PDB file of N, CA and C in Angstrom:
ATOM      1  N   UNK A   1      29.256 -26.697 -83.764  1.00  0.00           N
ATOM      2  CA  UNK A   1      28.500 -27.925 -83.867  1.00  0.00           C
ATOM      3  C   UNK A   1      27.215 -27.826 -83.060  1.00  0.00           C
ATOM      4  N   UNK A   2      27.269 -27.335 -81.831  1.00  0.00           N
ATOM      5  CA  UNK A   2      26.074 -27.249 -80.998  1.00  0.00           C
ATOM      6  C   UNK A   2      25.024 -26.347 -81.613  1.00  0.00           C
ATOM      7  N   UNK A   3      25.445 -25.253 -82.258  1.00  0.00           N
ATOM      8  CA  UNK A   3      24.488 -24.351 -82.898  1.00  0.00           C
ATOM      9  C   UNK A   3      23.763 -25.068 -84.035  1.00  0.00           C
ATOM     10  N   UNK A   4      24.473 -25.860 -84.807  1.00  0.00           N
ATOM     11  CA  UNK A   4      23.839 -26.612 -85.897  1.00  0.00           C
ATOM     12  C   UNK A   4      22.845 -27.622 -85.349  1.00  0.00           C
ATOM     13  N   UNK A   5      23.204 -28.268 -84.266  1.00  0.00           N
ATOM     14  CA  UNK A   5      22.312 -29.248 -83.658  1.00  0.00           C
ATOM     15  C   UNK A   5      21.081 -28.576 -83.069  1.00  0.00           C
ATOM     16  N   UNK A   6      21.271 -27.444 -82.414  1.00  0.00           N
ATOM     17  CA  UNK A   6      20.142 -26.693 -81.858  1.00  0.00           C
ATOM     18  C   UNK A   6      19.193 -26.252 -82.956  1.00  0.00           C
ATOM     19  N   UNK A   7      19.753 -25.781 -84.071  1.00  0.00           N
ATOM     20  CA  UNK A   7      18.931 -25.334 -85.202  1.00  0.00           C
ATOM     21  C   UNK A   7      18.114 -26.492 -85.769  1.00  0.00           C
ATOM     22  N   UNK A   8      18.744 -27.652 -85.907  1.00  0.00           N
ATOM     23  CA  UNK A   8      18.032 -28.825 -86.424  1.00  0.00           C
ATOM     24  C   UNK A   8      16.918 -29.236 -85.466  1.00  0.00           C
ATOM     25  N   UNK A   9      17.198 -29.223 -84.173  1.00  0.00           N
ATOM     26  CA  UNK A   9      16.169 -29.621 -83.195  1.00  0.00           C
ATOM     27  C   UNK A   9      14.973 -28.671 -83.240  1.00  0.00           C
ATOM     28  N   UNK A  10      15.228 -27.374 -83.405  1.00  0.00           N
ATOM     29  CA  UNK A  10      14.125 -26.410 -83.502  1.00  0.00           C
ATOM     30  C   UNK A  10      13.282 -26.664 -84.748  1.00  0.00           C
ATOM     31  N   UNK A  11      13.934 -27.006 -85.849  1.00  0.00           N
ATOM     32  CA  UNK A  11      13.229 -27.253 -87.100  1.00  0.00           C
ATOM     33  C   UNK A  11      12.336 -28.481 -87.071  1.00  0.00           C
ATOM     34  N   UNK A  12      12.593 -29.398 -86.165  1.00  0.00           N
ATOM     35  CA  UNK A  12      11.788 -30.619 -86.072  1.00  0.00           C
ATOM     36  C   UNK A  12      10.334 -30.337 -85.716  1.00  0.00           C
ATOM     37  N   UNK A  13      10.068 -29.220 -85.054  1.00  0.00           N
ATOM     38  CA  UNK A  13       8.712 -28.918 -84.574  1.00  0.00           C
ATOM     39  C   UNK A  13       7.681 -28.930 -85.703  1.00  0.00           C
ATOM     40  N   UNK A  14       8.086 -28.602 -86.918  1.00  0.00           N
ATOM     41  CA  UNK A  14       7.155 -28.541 -88.049  1.00  0.00           C
ATOM     42  C   UNK A  14       6.930 -29.908 -88.700  1.00  0.00           C
ATOM     43  N   UNK A  15       7.663 -30.927 -88.253  1.00  0.00           N
ATOM     44  CA  UNK A  15       7.616 -32.230 -88.911  1.00  0.00           C
ATOM     45  C   UNK A  15       6.804 -33.236 -88.109  1.00  0.00           C
ATOM     46  N   UNK A  16       6.291 -34.276 -88.777  1.00  0.00           N
ATOM     47  CA  UNK A  16       5.567 -35.326 -88.049  1.00  0.00           C
ATOM     48  C   UNK A  16       6.452 -35.923 -86.950  1.00  0.00           C
ATOM     49  N   UNK A  17       5.890 -36.098 -85.779  1.00  0.00           N
ATOM     50  CA  UNK A  17       6.678 -36.534 -84.627  1.00  0.00           C
ATOM     51  C   UNK A  17       7.282 -37.922 -84.802  1.00  0.00           C
ATOM     52  N   UNK A  18       6.650 -38.786 -85.581  1.00  0.00           N
ATOM     53  CA  UNK A  18       7.210 -40.127 -85.737  1.00  0.00           C
ATOM     54  C   UNK A  18       8.512 -40.128 -86.550  1.00  0.00           C
ATOM     55  N   UNK A  19       8.872 -39.004 -87.161  1.00  0.00           N
ATOM     56  CA  UNK A  19      10.130 -38.907 -87.904  1.00  0.00           C
ATOM     57  C   UNK A  19      11.267 -38.322 -87.068  1.00  0.00           C
ATOM     58  N   UNK A  20      10.944 -37.720 -85.924  1.00  0.00           N
ATOM     59  CA  UNK A  20      11.949 -37.002 -85.127  1.00  0.00           C
ATOM     60  C   UNK A  20      13.126 -37.879 -84.728  1.00  0.00           C
ATOM     61  N   UNK A  21      12.859 -39.072 -84.206  1.00  0.00           N
ATOM     62  CA  UNK A  21      13.939 -39.942 -83.737  1.00  0.00           C
ATOM     63  C   UNK A  21      14.920 -40.297 -84.841  1.00  0.00           C
ATOM     64  N   UNK A  22      14.409 -40.727 -85.979  1.00  0.00           N
ATOM     65  CA  UNK A  22      15.277 -41.093 -87.101  1.00  0.00           C
ATOM     66  C   UNK A  22      16.082 -39.923 -87.622  1.00  0.00           C
ATOM     67  N   UNK A  23      15.444 -38.755 -87.672  1.00  0.00           N
ATOM     68  CA  UNK A  23      16.149 -37.560 -88.139  1.00  0.00           C
ATOM     69  C   UNK A  23      17.255 -37.151 -87.169  1.00  0.00           C
ATOM     70  N   UNK A  24      16.959 -37.141 -85.884  1.00  0.00           N
ATOM     71  CA  UNK A  24      17.977 -36.757 -84.897  1.00  0.00           C
ATOM     72  C   UNK A  24      19.139 -37.745 -84.866  1.00  0.00           C
ATOM     73  N   UNK A  25      18.845 -39.038 -84.904  1.00  0.00           N
ATOM     74  CA  UNK A  25      19.928 -40.030 -84.907  1.00  0.00           C
ATOM     75  C   UNK A  25      20.810 -39.871 -86.145  1.00  0.00           C
ATOM     76  N   UNK A  26      20.186 -39.562 -87.280  1.00  0.00           N
ATOM     77  CA  UNK A  26      20.971 -39.359 -88.500  1.00  0.00           C
ATOM     78  C   UNK A  26      21.831 -38.103 -88.396  1.00  0.00           C
ATOM     79  N   UNK A  27      21.239 -36.993 -88.008  1.00  0.00           N
ATOM     80  CA  UNK A  27      21.973 -35.730 -87.963  1.00  0.00           C
ATOM     81  C   UNK A  27      23.056 -35.753 -86.891  1.00  0.00           C
ATOM     82  N   UNK A  28      22.716 -36.222 -85.709  1.00  0.00           N
ATOM     83  CA  UNK A  28      23.667 -36.222 -84.596  1.00  0.00           C
ATOM     84  C   UNK A  28      24.766 -37.269 -84.768  1.00  0.00           C
ATOM     85  N   UNK A  29      24.374 -38.508 -85.064  1.00  0.00           N
ATOM     86  CA  UNK A  29      25.310 -39.633 -85.017  1.00  0.00           C
ATOM     87  C   UNK A  29      25.584 -40.302 -86.356  1.00  0.00           C
ATOM     88  N   UNK A  30      24.918 -39.853 -87.419  1.00  0.00           N
ATOM     89  CA  UNK A  30      25.125 -40.469 -88.725  1.00  0.00           C
ATOM     90  C   UNK A  30      24.529 -41.855 -88.839  1.00  0.00           C
ATOM     91  N   UNK A  31      23.512 -42.149 -88.027  1.00  0.00           N
ATOM     92  CA  UNK A  31      22.861 -43.460 -88.083  1.00  0.00           C
ATOM     93  C   UNK A  31      21.828 -43.449 -89.205  1.00  0.00           C
ATOM     94  N   UNK A  32      21.958 -44.397 -90.093  1.00  0.00           N
ATOM     95  CA  UNK A  32      21.089 -44.464 -91.271  1.00  0.00           C
ATOM     96  C   UNK A  32      19.627 -44.596 -90.863  1.00  0.00           C
ATOM     97  N   UNK A  33      18.776 -43.707 -91.402  1.00  0.00           N
ATOM     98  CA  UNK A  33      17.341 -43.816 -91.128  1.00  0.00           C
ATOM     99  C   UNK A  33      16.699 -44.843 -92.059  1.00  0.00           C
ATOM    100  N   UNK A  34      15.377 -44.936 -92.014  1.00  0.00           N
ATOM    101  CA  UNK A  34      14.653 -45.847 -92.878  1.00  0.00           C
ATOM    102  C   UNK A  34      14.651 -45.403 -94.336  1.00  0.00           C
ATOM    103  N   UNK A  35      14.062 -46.227 -95.176  1.00  0.00           N
ATOM    104  CA  UNK A  35      14.082 -46.008 -96.625  1.00  0.00           C
ATOM    105  C   UNK A  35      13.452 -44.679 -97.030  1.00  0.00           C
ATOM    106  N   UNK A  36      12.352 -44.287 -96.386  1.00  0.00           N
ATOM    107  CA  UNK A  36      11.698 -43.025 -96.734  1.00  0.00           C
ATOM    108  C   UNK A  36      12.637 -41.842 -96.482  1.00  0.00           C
ATOM    109  N   UNK A  37      13.205 -41.767 -95.277  1.00  0.00           N
ATOM    110  CA  UNK A  37      14.097 -40.642 -94.980  1.00  0.00           C
ATOM    111  C   UNK A  37      15.381 -40.701 -95.800  1.00  0.00           C
ATOM    112  N   UNK A  38      15.886 -41.899 -96.069  1.00  0.00           N
ATOM    113  CA  UNK A  38      17.066 -41.997 -96.946  1.00  0.00           C
ATOM    114  C   UNK A  38      16.750 -41.403 -98.316  1.00  0.00           C
ATOM    115  N   UNK A  39      15.570 -41.690 -98.838  1.00  0.00           N
ATOM    116  CA  UNK A  39      15.180 -41.143-100.144  1.00  0.00           C
ATOM    117  C   UNK A  39      15.092 -39.617-100.090  1.00  0.00           C
ATOM    118  N   UNK A  40      14.532 -39.083 -99.012  1.00  0.00           N
ATOM    119  CA  UNK A  40      14.462 -37.626 -98.855  1.00  0.00           C
ATOM    120  C   UNK A  40      15.867 -37.041 -98.820  1.00  0.00           C
ATOM    121  N   UNK A  41      16.724 -37.620 -97.998  1.00  0.00           N
ATOM    122  CA  UNK A  41      18.101 -37.137 -97.839  1.00  0.00           C
ATOM    123  C   UNK A  41      18.860 -37.235 -99.159  1.00  0.00           C
ATOM    124  N   UNK A  42      18.624 -38.304 -99.911  1.00  0.00           N
ATOM    125  CA  UNK A  42      19.317 -38.533-101.189  1.00  0.00           C
ATOM    126  C   UNK A  42      18.781 -37.671-102.327  1.00  0.00           C
ATOM    127  N   UNK A  43      17.718 -36.910-102.059  1.00  0.00           N
ATOM    128  CA  UNK A  43      17.088 -36.085-103.086  1.00  0.00           C
ATOM    129  C   UNK A  43      16.442 -36.965-104.163  1.00  0.00           C
ATOM    130  N   UNK A  44      15.826 -38.050-103.713  1.00  0.00           N
ATOM    131  CA  UNK A  44      15.202 -39.043-104.592  1.00  0.00           C
ATOM    132  C   UNK A  44      13.676 -38.968-104.410  1.00  0.00           C
ATOM    133  N   UNK A  45      13.025 -38.138-105.195  1.00  0.00           N
ATOM    134  CA  UNK A  45      11.586 -37.936-105.057  1.00  0.00           C
ATOM    135  C   UNK A  45      10.801 -39.227-105.287  1.00  0.00           C
ATOM    136  N   UNK A  46      11.124 -39.957-106.326  1.00  0.00           N
ATOM    137  CA  UNK A  46      10.403 -41.199-106.619  1.00  0.00           C
ATOM    138  C   UNK A  46      10.514 -42.174-105.441  1.00  0.00           C
ATOM    139  N   UNK A  47      11.708 -42.354-104.918  1.00  0.00           N
ATOM    140  CA  UNK A  47      11.903 -43.236-103.771  1.00  0.00           C
ATOM    141  C   UNK A  47      11.132 -42.761-102.554  1.00  0.00           C
ATOM    142  N   UNK A  48      11.131 -41.441-102.313  1.00  0.00           N
ATOM    143  CA  UNK A  48      10.411 -40.892-101.155  1.00  0.00           C
ATOM    144  C   UNK A  48       8.914 -41.160-101.274  1.00  0.00           C
ATOM    145  N   UNK A  49       8.370 -40.938-102.453  1.00  0.00           N
ATOM    146  CA  UNK A  49       6.938 -41.165-102.650  1.00  0.00           C
ATOM    147  C   UNK A  49       6.616 -42.651-102.502  1.00  0.00           C
ATOM    148  N   UNK A  50       7.452 -43.511-103.043  1.00  0.00           N
ATOM    149  CA  UNK A  50       7.199 -44.955-102.958  1.00  0.00           C
ATOM    150  C   UNK A  50       7.336 -45.494-101.538  1.00  0.00           C
ATOM    151  N   UNK A  51       8.194 -44.883-100.721  1.00  0.00           N
ATOM    152  CA  UNK A  51       8.426 -45.364 -99.358  1.00  0.00           C
ATOM    153  C   UNK A  51       7.643 -44.597 -98.300  1.00  0.00           C
ATOM    154  N   UNK A  52       6.889 -43.596 -98.712  1.00  0.00           N
ATOM    155  CA  UNK A  52       6.126 -42.810 -97.736  1.00  0.00           C
ATOM    156  C   UNK A  52       5.047 -43.693 -97.098  1.00  0.00           C
ATOM    157  N   UNK A  53       4.938 -43.606 -95.799  1.00  0.00           N
ATOM    158  CA  UNK A  53       3.930 -44.381 -95.089  1.00  0.00           C
ATOM    159  C   UNK A  53       2.594 -43.664 -95.086  1.00  0.00           C
ATOM    160  N   UNK A  54       1.618 -44.309 -94.504  1.00  0.00           N
ATOM    161  CA  UNK A  54       0.294 -43.694 -94.359  1.00  0.00           C
ATOM    162  C   UNK A  54       0.434 -42.389 -93.578  1.00  0.00           C
ATOM    163  N   UNK A  55      -0.277 -41.399 -94.019  1.00  0.00           N
ATOM    164  CA  UNK A  55      -0.274 -40.128 -93.304  1.00  0.00           C
ATOM    165  C   UNK A  55       0.797 -39.153 -93.757  1.00  0.00           C
ATOM    166  N   UNK A  56       1.688 -39.556 -94.657  1.00  0.00           N
ATOM    167  CA  UNK A  56       2.688 -38.631 -95.200  1.00  0.00           C
ATOM    168  C   UNK A  56       2.118 -38.071 -96.495  1.00  0.00           C
ATOM    169  N   UNK A  57       1.985 -36.760 -96.547  1.00  0.00           N
ATOM    170  CA  UNK A  57       1.425 -36.111 -97.718  1.00  0.00           C
ATOM    171  C   UNK A  57       2.371 -35.094 -98.318  1.00  0.00           C
ATOM    172  N   UNK A  58       1.894 -34.405 -99.318  1.00  0.00           N
ATOM    173  CA  UNK A  58       2.699 -33.409-100.018  1.00  0.00           C
ATOM    174  C   UNK A  58       3.186 -32.316 -99.066  1.00  0.00           C
ATOM    175  N   UNK A  59       2.348 -31.889 -98.134  1.00  0.00           N
ATOM    176  CA  UNK A  59       2.778 -30.865 -97.174  1.00  0.00           C
ATOM    177  C   UNK A  59       3.954 -31.354 -96.335  1.00  0.00           C
ATOM    178  N   UNK A  60       3.945 -32.638 -95.969  1.00  0.00           N
ATOM    179  CA  UNK A  60       5.059 -33.193 -95.196  1.00  0.00           C
ATOM    180  C   UNK A  60       6.346 -33.216 -96.021  1.00  0.00           C
ATOM    181  N   UNK A  61       6.226 -33.554 -97.302  1.00  0.00           N
ATOM    182  CA  UNK A  61       7.405 -33.529 -98.178  1.00  0.00           C
ATOM    183  C   UNK A  61       7.971 -32.118 -98.273  1.00  0.00           C
ATOM    184  N   UNK A  62       7.097 -31.136 -98.398  1.00  0.00           N
ATOM    185  CA  UNK A  62       7.551 -29.733 -98.437  1.00  0.00           C
ATOM    186  C   UNK A  62       8.256 -29.357 -97.142  1.00  0.00           C
ATOM    187  N   UNK A  63       7.664 -29.734 -96.009  1.00  0.00           N
ATOM    188  CA  UNK A  63       8.267 -29.398 -94.711  1.00  0.00           C
ATOM    189  C   UNK A  63       9.632 -30.072 -94.544  1.00  0.00           C
ATOM    190  N   UNK A  64       9.737 -31.310 -94.994  1.00  0.00           N
ATOM    191  CA  UNK A  64      11.025 -32.002 -94.918  1.00  0.00           C
ATOM    192  C   UNK A  64      12.076 -31.321 -95.796  1.00  0.00           C
ATOM    193  N   UNK A  65      11.682 -30.921 -96.989  1.00  0.00           N
ATOM    194  CA  UNK A  65      12.624 -30.216 -97.866  1.00  0.00           C
ATOM    195  C   UNK A  65      13.087 -28.914 -97.219  1.00  0.00           C
ATOM    196  N   UNK A  66      12.148 -28.161 -96.642  1.00  0.00           N
ATOM    197  CA  UNK A  66      12.509 -26.913 -95.956  1.00  0.00           C
ATOM    198  C   UNK A  66      13.416 -27.184 -94.752  1.00  0.00           C
ATOM    199  N   UNK A  67      13.097 -28.244 -94.000  1.00  0.00           N
ATOM    200  CA  UNK A  67      13.895 -28.601 -92.830  1.00  0.00           C
ATOM    201  C   UNK A  67      15.346 -28.850 -93.230  1.00  0.00           C
ATOM    202  N   UNK A  68      15.558 -29.688 -94.236  1.00  0.00           N
ATOM    203  CA  UNK A  68      16.933 -29.978 -94.630  1.00  0.00           C
ATOM    204  C   UNK A  68      17.620 -28.738 -95.201  1.00  0.00           C
ATOM    205  N   UNK A  69      16.917 -27.963 -95.991  1.00  0.00           N
ATOM    206  CA  UNK A  69      17.522 -26.776 -96.597  1.00  0.00           C
ATOM    207  C   UNK A  69      17.844 -25.702 -95.564  1.00  0.00           C
ATOM    208  N   UNK A  70      16.926 -25.461 -94.643  1.00  0.00           N
ATOM    209  CA  UNK A  70      17.073 -24.347 -93.705  1.00  0.00           C
ATOM    210  C   UNK A  70      17.736 -24.700 -92.379  1.00  0.00           C
ATOM    211  N   UNK A  71      17.591 -25.936 -91.920  1.00  0.00           N
ATOM    212  CA  UNK A  71      17.964 -26.264 -90.542  1.00  0.00           C
ATOM    213  C   UNK A  71      19.090 -27.286 -90.397  1.00  0.00           C
ATOM    214  N   UNK A  72      19.551 -27.861 -91.471  1.00  0.00           N
ATOM    215  CA  UNK A  72      20.559 -28.920 -91.378  1.00  0.00           C
ATOM    216  C   UNK A  72      21.839 -28.538 -92.112  1.00  0.00           C
ATOM    217  N   UNK A  73      22.953 -29.104 -91.690  1.00  0.00           N
ATOM    218  CA  UNK A  73      24.208 -28.857 -92.415  1.00  0.00           C
ATOM    219  C   UNK A  73      24.086 -29.327 -93.864  1.00  0.00           C
ATOM    220  N   UNK A  74      24.595 -28.539 -94.771  1.00  0.00           N
ATOM    221  CA  UNK A  74      24.477 -28.884 -96.193  1.00  0.00           C
ATOM    222  C   UNK A  74      25.225 -30.166 -96.541  1.00  0.00           C
ATOM    223  N   UNK A  75      26.184 -30.548 -95.715  1.00  0.00           N
ATOM    224  CA  UNK A  75      26.957 -31.761 -95.987  1.00  0.00           C
ATOM    225  C   UNK A  75      26.159 -33.029 -95.736  1.00  0.00           C
ATOM    226  N   UNK A  76      24.994 -32.943 -95.083  1.00  0.00           N
ATOM    227  CA  UNK A  76      24.278 -34.168 -94.711  1.00  0.00           C
ATOM    228  C   UNK A  76      23.114 -34.507 -95.634  1.00  0.00           C
ATOM    229  N   UNK A  77      22.899 -33.755 -96.691  1.00  0.00           N
ATOM    230  CA  UNK A  77      21.759 -34.053 -97.570  1.00  0.00           C
ATOM    231  C   UNK A  77      22.028 -33.560 -98.983  1.00  0.00           C
ATOM    232  N   UNK A  78      21.247 -34.099 -99.921  1.00  0.00           N
ATOM    233  CA  UNK A  78      21.330 -33.649-101.306  1.00  0.00           C
ATOM    234  C   UNK A  78      21.702 -34.736-102.300  1.00  0.00           C
ATOM    235  N   UNK A  79      22.348 -35.790-101.817  1.00  0.00           N
ATOM    236  CA  UNK A  79      22.703 -36.902-102.700  1.00  0.00           C
ATOM    237  C   UNK A  79      23.013 -38.134-101.848  1.00  0.00           C
ATOM    238  N   UNK A  80      22.991 -39.276-102.494  1.00  0.00           N
ATOM    239  CA  UNK A  80      23.320 -40.513-101.785  1.00  0.00           C
ATOM    240  C   UNK A  80      24.762 -40.480-101.295  1.00  0.00           C
ATOM    241  N   UNK A  81      25.678 -39.952-102.115  1.00  0.00           N
ATOM    242  CA  UNK A  81      27.081 -39.915-101.698  1.00  0.00           C
ATOM    243  C   UNK A  81      27.276 -39.012-100.470  1.00  0.00           C
ATOM    244  N   UNK A  82      26.546 -37.901-100.395  1.00  0.00           N
ATOM    245  CA  UNK A  82      26.626 -37.051 -99.207  1.00  0.00           C
ATOM    246  C   UNK A  82      26.101 -37.799 -97.976  1.00  0.00           C
ATOM    247  N   UNK A  83      24.997 -38.532 -98.160  1.00  0.00           N
ATOM    248  CA  UNK A  83      24.448 -39.291 -97.028  1.00  0.00           C
ATOM    249  C   UNK A  83      25.435 -40.344 -96.553  1.00  0.00           C
ATOM    250  N   UNK A  84      26.028 -41.071 -97.481  1.00  0.00           N
ATOM    251  CA  UNK A  84      26.982 -42.104 -97.103  1.00  0.00           C
ATOM    252  C   UNK A  84      28.207 -41.513 -96.411  1.00  0.00           C
ATOM    253  N   UNK A  85      28.680 -40.381 -96.892  1.00  0.00           N
ATOM    254  CA  UNK A  85      29.804 -39.693 -96.237  1.00  0.00           C
ATOM    255  C   UNK A  85      29.420 -39.258 -94.824  1.00  0.00           C
ATOM    256  N   UNK A  86      28.192 -38.724 -94.676  1.00  0.00           N
ATOM    257  CA  UNK A  86      27.710 -38.269 -93.370  1.00  0.00           C
ATOM    258  C   UNK A  86      27.626 -39.446 -92.391  1.00  0.00           C
ATOM    259  N   UNK A  87      27.104 -40.555 -92.879  1.00  0.00           N
ATOM    260  CA  UNK A  87      27.032 -41.751 -92.045  1.00  0.00           C
ATOM    261  C   UNK A  87      28.438 -42.210 -91.663  1.00  0.00           C
ATOM    262  N   UNK A  88      29.355 -42.168 -92.626  1.00  0.00           N
ATOM    263  CA  UNK A  88      30.726 -42.613 -92.382  1.00  0.00           C
ATOM    264  C   UNK A  88      31.473 -41.778 -91.364  1.00  0.00           C
ATOM    265  N   UNK A  89      31.186 -40.486 -91.335  1.00  0.00           N
ATOM    266  CA  UNK A  89      31.879 -39.616 -90.373  1.00  0.00           C
ATOM    267  C   UNK A  89      31.217 -39.634 -89.009  1.00  0.00           C
ATOM    268  N   UNK A  90      30.014 -40.210 -88.914  1.00  0.00           N
ATOM    269  CA  UNK A  90      29.332 -40.273 -87.628  1.00  0.00           C
ATOM    270  C   UNK A  90      28.516 -39.049 -87.305  1.00  0.00           C
ATOM    271  N   UNK A  91      27.984 -38.361 -88.331  1.00  0.00           N
ATOM    272  CA  UNK A  91      27.117 -37.200 -88.118  1.00  0.00           C
ATOM    273  C   UNK A  91      27.849 -36.029 -87.491  1.00  0.00           C
ATOM    274  N   UNK A  92      27.079 -35.124 -86.858  1.00  0.00           N
ATOM    275  CA  UNK A  92      27.678 -33.958 -86.214  1.00  0.00           C
ATOM    276  C   UNK A  92      28.609 -34.352 -85.076  1.00  0.00           C
ATOM    277  N   UNK A  93      28.253 -35.389 -84.344  1.00  0.00           N
ATOM    278  CA  UNK A  93      29.089 -35.823 -83.216  1.00  0.00           C
ATOM    279  C   UNK A  93      30.436 -36.306 -83.744  1.00  0.00           C
ATOM    280  N   UNK A  94      30.408 -37.120 -84.777  1.00  0.00           N
ATOM    281  CA  UNK A  94      31.663 -37.610 -85.372  1.00  0.00           C
ATOM    282  C   UNK A  94      32.478 -36.487 -85.971  1.00  0.00           C
ATOM    283  N   UNK A  95      31.815 -35.523 -86.606  1.00  0.00           N
ATOM    284  CA  UNK A  95      32.533 -34.379 -87.176  1.00  0.00           C
ATOM    285  C   UNK A  95      33.213 -33.581 -86.073  1.00  0.00           C
ATOM    286  N   UNK A  96      32.540 -33.463 -84.926  1.00  0.00           N
ATOM    287  CA  UNK A  96      33.130 -32.753 -83.792  1.00  0.00           C
ATOM    288  C   UNK A  96      34.358 -33.454 -83.244  1.00  0.00           C
ATOM    289  N   UNK A  97      34.320 -34.800 -83.213  1.00  0.00           N
ATOM    290  CA  UNK A  97      35.485 -35.561 -82.754  1.00  0.00           C
ATOM    291  C   UNK A  97      36.644 -35.374 -83.708  1.00  0.00           C
ATOM    292  N   UNK A  98      36.353 -35.402 -85.017  1.00  0.00           N
ATOM    293  CA  UNK A  98      37.419 -35.197 -86.016  1.00  0.00           C
ATOM    294  C   UNK A  98      38.034 -33.812 -85.871  1.00  0.00           C
ATOM    295  N   UNK A  99      37.172 -32.815 -85.677  1.00  0.00           N
ATOM    296  CA  UNK A  99      37.649 -31.434 -85.554  1.00  0.00           C
ATOM    297  C   UNK A  99      38.512 -31.279 -84.293  1.00  0.00           C
ATOM    298  N   UNK A 100      38.143 -31.938 -83.215  1.00  0.00           N
ATOM    299  CA  UNK A 100      38.888 -31.842 -81.951  1.00  0.00           C
ATOM    300  C   UNK A 100      40.275 -32.456 -82.064  1.00  0.00           C
ATOM    301  N   UNK A 101      40.424 -33.478 -82.923  1.00  0.00           N
ATOM    302  CA  UNK A 101      41.725 -34.131 -83.101  1.00  0.00           C
ATOM    303  C   UNK A 101      42.699 -33.292 -83.908  1.00  0.00           C
ATOM    304  N   UNK A 102      42.163 -32.389 -84.711  1.00  0.00           N
ATOM    305  CA  UNK A 102      43.044 -31.590 -85.606  1.00  0.00           C
ATOM    306  C   UNK A 102      43.826 -30.553 -84.869  1.00  0.00           C
TER     307      UNK A 102
END
Protein backbone atom coordinates (compact mmCIF):
# COMPACT_ATOMS: atom_id res chain seq x y z
CA UNK A 1 0.00 0.00 0.00
CA UNK A 2 2.74 2.50 0.90
CA UNK A 3 4.51 1.91 -2.42
CA UNK A 4 1.30 2.69 -4.32
CA UNK A 5 0.80 5.84 -2.30
CA UNK A 6 4.41 6.94 -2.81
CA UNK A 7 4.08 6.36 -6.56
CA UNK A 8 0.89 8.43 -6.71
CA UNK A 9 2.48 11.27 -4.72
CA UNK A 10 5.47 11.35 -7.09
CA UNK A 11 3.15 11.49 -10.10
CA UNK A 12 1.40 14.59 -8.75
CA UNK A 13 4.42 16.76 -9.63
CA UNK A 14 3.33 16.90 -13.29
CA UNK A 15 -0.21 18.04 -12.44
CA UNK A 16 -1.66 21.47 -11.60
CA UNK A 17 -1.14 22.07 -7.90
CA UNK A 18 -4.75 23.04 -7.24
CA UNK A 19 -5.74 19.42 -8.03
CA UNK A 20 -3.26 17.77 -5.62
CA UNK A 21 -5.45 17.90 -2.50
CA UNK A 22 -8.52 16.40 -4.15
CA UNK A 23 -6.49 13.69 -5.84
CA UNK A 24 -4.65 12.69 -2.65
CA UNK A 25 -7.83 12.63 -0.56
CA UNK A 26 -9.48 10.43 -3.18
CA UNK A 27 -6.57 8.02 -3.58
CA UNK A 28 -5.67 7.78 0.10
CA UNK A 29 -9.09 7.93 1.77
CA UNK A 30 -11.66 7.44 -0.99
CA UNK A 31 -13.08 10.93 -0.47
CA UNK A 32 -15.07 12.00 -3.51
CA UNK A 33 -13.41 14.85 -5.42
CA UNK A 34 -15.20 17.57 -7.37
CA UNK A 35 -17.15 17.07 -10.59
CA UNK A 36 -14.14 17.60 -12.88
CA UNK A 37 -11.98 14.96 -11.19
CA UNK A 38 -14.94 12.58 -10.87
CA UNK A 39 -15.41 12.85 -14.64
CA UNK A 40 -11.71 12.13 -15.22
CA UNK A 41 -11.81 9.15 -12.84
CA UNK A 42 -15.04 7.87 -14.45
CA UNK A 43 -13.45 8.03 -17.92
CA UNK A 44 -16.08 10.59 -18.96
CA UNK A 45 -14.42 12.94 -21.45
CA UNK A 46 -17.52 15.05 -22.09
CA UNK A 47 -18.08 15.57 -18.36
CA UNK A 48 -14.40 16.42 -17.81
CA UNK A 49 -14.42 19.03 -20.57
CA UNK A 50 -17.70 20.53 -19.32
CA UNK A 51 -16.47 20.71 -15.70
CA UNK A 52 -12.92 21.86 -16.42
CA UNK A 53 -12.16 25.18 -14.77
CA UNK A 54 -10.20 28.09 -16.17
CA UNK A 55 -6.63 27.15 -16.87
CA UNK A 56 -7.26 23.44 -17.52
CA UNK A 57 -6.21 22.59 -21.05
CA UNK A 58 -5.62 19.59 -23.26
CA UNK A 59 -2.10 19.11 -21.86
CA UNK A 60 -3.57 18.87 -18.35
CA UNK A 61 -6.08 16.24 -19.51
CA UNK A 62 -3.21 14.24 -21.01
CA UNK A 63 -1.18 14.52 -17.80
CA UNK A 64 -4.16 13.41 -15.72
CA UNK A 65 -4.73 10.40 -17.96
CA UNK A 66 -1.04 9.45 -17.68
CA UNK A 67 -1.14 9.98 -13.90
CA UNK A 68 -4.05 7.60 -13.40
CA UNK A 69 -2.69 5.03 -15.85
CA UNK A 70 0.91 5.06 -14.62
CA UNK A 71 0.79 6.12 -10.97
CA UNK A 72 -2.51 4.99 -9.45
CA UNK A 73 -4.04 1.63 -8.57
CA UNK A 74 -6.13 0.36 -11.46
CA UNK A 75 -9.03 -0.27 -9.08
CA UNK A 76 -9.53 3.46 -8.46
CA UNK A 77 -10.23 4.71 -12.00
CA UNK A 78 -11.75 3.83 -15.35
CA UNK A 79 -15.48 3.85 -14.64
CA UNK A 80 -18.07 5.31 -12.31
CA UNK A 81 -18.61 1.92 -10.67
CA UNK A 82 -14.87 1.63 -9.92
CA UNK A 83 -14.90 5.12 -8.40
CA UNK A 84 -17.91 4.33 -6.24
CA UNK A 85 -16.32 1.07 -5.07
CA UNK A 86 -13.08 2.94 -4.28
CA UNK A 87 -14.98 5.54 -2.28
CA UNK A 88 -16.89 2.78 -0.49
CA UNK A 89 -13.75 0.95 0.60
CA UNK A 90 -12.11 4.15 1.82
CA UNK A 91 -9.28 4.39 -0.73
CA UNK A 92 -5.84 2.91 -0.10
CA UNK A 93 -6.15 3.46 3.65
CA UNK A 94 -9.45 1.57 3.78
CA UNK A 95 -8.06 -1.20 1.59
CA UNK A 96 -5.14 -1.53 4.00
CA UNK A 97 -7.51 -1.86 6.97
CA UNK A 98 -9.48 -4.56 5.14
CA UNK A 99 -6.29 -6.42 4.26
CA UNK A 100 -5.06 -6.25 7.89
CA UNK A 101 -8.31 -7.84 9.14
CA UNK A 102 -7.96 -10.85 6.84
